[in-house]
C-alpha cells in the first residue's frame, strides 16, 4: 500500500467522523469461556482459533497455556506495528522492514498476594523498534512520536483507565 492508497482508504472515514462524531464511537468486545477446573479461560480472538489463557509459570502454571500478561504485550506489539506501518506509509517515510519488541516489568509477589507493597500489574514497558530505513533522524523522530500518539494500546496503557467488574449471575448464588 502507498500513501495515496491509505489516504483514499481513510479519507471517507475521516470526513464522516468530522461531520458525525458519534459515528466514530465504538464499543469493542472480547469474550472467553471459563474452565475453572483447569484454571483456564478459552479466549475467542477477533479472528482465528480460540486461545487458552492460563497461569504464568511464576504463578503456578506449567507454561502450556498463554499468559494474559504476555497477550497484553503482544497486543502492544501488534498495535504499535500496525500504527507505525500506517504512519510511515501515509507520510512516505521509507521503511523496508522492521521488528518490534516489548519488555514489561512485573513483580509476581503482587499478583500472588505475597506482598501488599508489591504492585499488581506491569510497572514499566520498553518498546524497541528496529527499522531498515533510509529515513533521516527528523523523520524517525516524527514516526516515533506519531506511532506513540496514535497507538490505541499504548495510549490505553498510559491510563487513566476505568475498569469496572460487573457481577451477573445465572444461578441463585447469594
Foldseek 3Di string as FASTA:
>chain_A
DAQVVLCVVCVVVVVCCVVPVVVPDDDDDWDWPDDVVQQWTFTDDPDDGTFIEHDDVVQPDPPPGHHVLVVLQVLQQVLLVVQLVSVCRNVVFDFPDKHKDKDWDADVCQVNVVDPPGHHDTPDMDIDMGTDGPGDPVVVVVSVVRSCVPRPSNVVVVDDDDDDDDDDDDDDDD
